Amino acid sequence: MKRRERTRHLIELGGLVTKAGLVDLTGDDRAMLYGAFLTLALTLRSEEREQALVLWRRRGQRAFEIGATDARDPTQPSR
């Protein structure tokens, strides 16, 4: 991957972290965010992988469809 493409990719991934509300919810605690990402990676290495992928993809697709910009679960009714 070329440097410019890699930079754009990393910026887009950071945008997803922000769009999910994780920066605000954690007070920009990068150690906590990294720990959460490590937990995600453990799940993806486990027997729960396929179930987690289906659930997370569905939630992400719904959030993109409704234009969600915070950490609300788009699969749940509004409060």
C-alpha atoms as a PDB file:
ATOM      1  CA  MET A   1       0.000   0.000   0.000  1.00  0.00           C
ATOM      2  CA  LYS A   2       1.398   3.364  -0.961  1.00  0.00           C
ATOM      3  CA  ARG A   3       2.064   5.934   1.742  1.00  0.00           C
ATOM      4  CA  ARG A   4      -0.750   8.282   0.683  1.00  0.00           C
ATOM      5  CA  GLU A   5      -3.254   5.408   0.501  1.00  0.00           C
ATOM      6  CA  ARG A   6      -2.140   4.145   3.910  1.00  0.00           C
ATOM      7  CA  THR A   7      -2.497   7.624   5.427  1.00  0.00           C
ATOM      8  CA  ARG A   8      -6.012   7.991   4.018  1.00  0.00           C
ATOM      9  CA  HIS A   9      -6.930   4.534   5.306  1.00  0.00           C
ATOM     10  CA  LEU A  10      -5.699   5.359   8.815  1.00  0.00           C
ATOM     11  CA  ILE A  11      -7.569   8.677   8.822  1.00  0.00           C
ATOM     12  CA  GLU A  12     -10.780   6.889   7.806  1.00  0.00           C
ATOM     13  CA  LEU A  13     -10.339   4.332  10.602  1.00  0.00           C
ATOM     14  CA  GLY A  14      -9.776   7.135  13.109  1.00  0.00           C
ATOM     15  CA  GLY A  15     -12.949   8.756  11.815  1.00  0.00           C
ATOM     16  CA  LEU A  16     -14.884   5.599  12.652  1.00  0.00           C
ATOM     17  CA  VAL A  17     -13.542   5.668  16.211  1.00  0.00           C
ATOM     18  CA  THR A  18     -14.732   9.258  16.521  1.00  0.00           C
ATOM     19  CA  LYS A  19     -18.068   8.614  14.772  1.00  0.00           C
ATOM     20  CA  ALA A  20     -18.820   5.803  17.232  1.00  0.00           C
ATOM     21  CA  GLY A  21     -18.385   8.309  20.068  1.00  0.00           C
ATOM     22  CA  LEU A  22     -15.468   6.429  21.586  1.00  0.00           C
ATOM     23  CA  VAL A  23     -13.190   9.450  21.915  1.00  0.00           C
ATOM     24  CA  ASP A  24     -15.753  11.398  23.938  1.00  0.00           C
ATOM     25  CA  LEU A  25     -16.963   8.408  25.940  1.00  0.00           C
ATOM     26  CA  THR A  26     -13.427   7.532  27.052  1.00  0.00           C
ATOM     27  CA  GLY A  27     -12.125  11.057  27.526  1.00  0.00           C
ATOM     28  CA  ASP A  28      -9.613  10.315  24.757  1.00  0.00           C
ATOM     29  CA  ASP A  29      -7.974   7.647  26.945  1.00  0.00           C
ATOM     30  CA  ARG A  30      -5.829   5.913  24.354  1.00  0.00           C
ATOM     31  CA  ALA A  31      -4.695   3.115  26.659  1.00  0.00           C
ATOM     32  CA  MET A  32      -8.334   2.259  27.351  1.00  0.00           C
ATOM     33  CA  LEU A  33      -9.204   2.395  23.646  1.00  0.00           C
ATOM     34  CA  TYR A  34      -6.253   0.154  22.821  1.00  0.00           C
ATOM     35  CA  GLY A  35      -7.362  -2.299  25.516  1.00  0.00           C
ATOM     36  CA  ALA A  36     -10.853  -2.346  24.029  1.00  0.00           C
ATOM     37  CA  PHE A  37      -9.423  -3.019  20.567  1.00  0.00           C
ATOM     38  CA  LEU A  38      -7.337  -5.862  21.992  1.00  0.00           C
ATOM     39  CA  THR A  39     -10.532  -7.315  23.468  1.00  0.00           C
ATOM     40  CA  LEU A  40     -12.154  -7.118  20.025  1.00  0.00           C
ATOM     41  CA  ALA A  41      -9.158  -8.921  18.549  1.00  0.00           C
ATOM     42  CA  LEU A  42      -9.466 -11.679  21.176  1.00  0.00           C
ATOM     43  CA  THR A  43     -13.120 -12.136  20.256  1.00  0.00           C
ATOM     44  CA  LEU A  44     -12.176 -12.398  16.594  1.00  0.00           C
ATOM     45  CA  ARG A  45      -9.675 -15.136  17.465  1.00  0.00           C
ATOM     46  CA  SER A  46     -12.251 -17.089  19.459  1.00  0.00           C
ATOM     47  CA  GLU A  47     -15.072 -19.470  18.662  1.00  0.00           C
ATOM     48  CA  GLU A  48     -17.415 -16.459  18.855  1.00  0.00           C
ATOM     49  CA  ARG A  49     -15.836 -14.926  15.729  1.00  0.00           C
ATOM     50  CA  GLU A  50     -18.585 -15.598  13.188  1.00  0.00           C
ATOM     51  CA  GLN A  51     -21.415 -14.575  15.518  1.00  0.00           C
ATOM     52  CA  ALA A  52     -19.592 -11.365  16.476  1.00  0.00           C
ATOM     53  CA  LEU A  53     -18.852 -10.490  12.839  1.00  0.00           C
ATOM     54  CA  VAL A  54     -22.511 -10.880  11.863  1.00  0.00           C
ATOM     55  CA  LEU A  55     -23.716  -8.795  14.814  1.00  0.00           C
ATOM     56  CA  TRP A  56     -21.137  -6.021  14.422  1.00  0.00           C
ATOM     57  CA  ARG A  57     -21.593  -5.808  10.648  1.00  0.00           C
ATOM     58  CA  ARG A  58     -25.373  -5.568  11.017  1.00  0.00           C
ATOM     59  CA  ARG A  59     -25.088  -2.831  13.649  1.00  0.00           C
ATOM     60  CA  GLY A  60     -22.567  -0.914  11.565  1.00  0.00           C
ATOM     61  CA  GLN A  61     -24.644  -1.131   8.411  1.00  0.00           C
ATOM     62  CA  ARG A  62     -27.743   0.092  10.250  1.00  0.00           C
ATOM     63  CA  ALA A  63     -25.808   2.962  11.801  1.00  0.00           C
ATOM     64  CA  PHE A  64     -24.485   4.015   8.384  1.00  0.00           C
ATOM     65  CA  GLU A  65     -28.005   3.807   6.932  1.00  0.00           C
ATOM     66  CA  ILE A  66     -29.536   6.052   9.586  1.00  0.00           C
ATOM     67  CA  GLY A  67     -26.506   8.331   9.716  1.00  0.00           C
ATOM     68  CA  ALA A  68     -25.809   7.637  13.386  1.00  0.00           C
ATOM     69  CA  THR A  69     -23.167   9.960  14.753  1.00  0.00           C
ATOM     70  CA  ASP A  70     -22.968   8.841  18.356  1.00  0.00           C
ATOM     71  CA  ALA A  71     -22.658   5.703  20.437  1.00  0.00           C
ATOM     72  CA  ARG A  72     -26.373   4.864  20.488  1.00  0.00           C
ATOM     73  CA  ASP A  73     -27.123   1.336  19.378  1.00  0.00           C
ATOM     74  CA  PRO A  74     -29.000   1.721  16.077  1.00  0.00           C
ATOM     75  CA  THR A  75     -30.584  -1.700  16.614  1.00  0.00           C
ATOM     76  CA  GLN A  76     -32.398  -0.452  19.713  1.00  0.00           C
ATOM     77  CA  PRO A  77     -35.345   1.969  19.871  1.00  0.00           C
ATOM     78  CA  SER A  78     -34.623   5.602  20.756  1.00  0.00           C
ATOM     79  CA  ARG A  79     -34.972   6.548  24.403  1.00  0.00           C
END
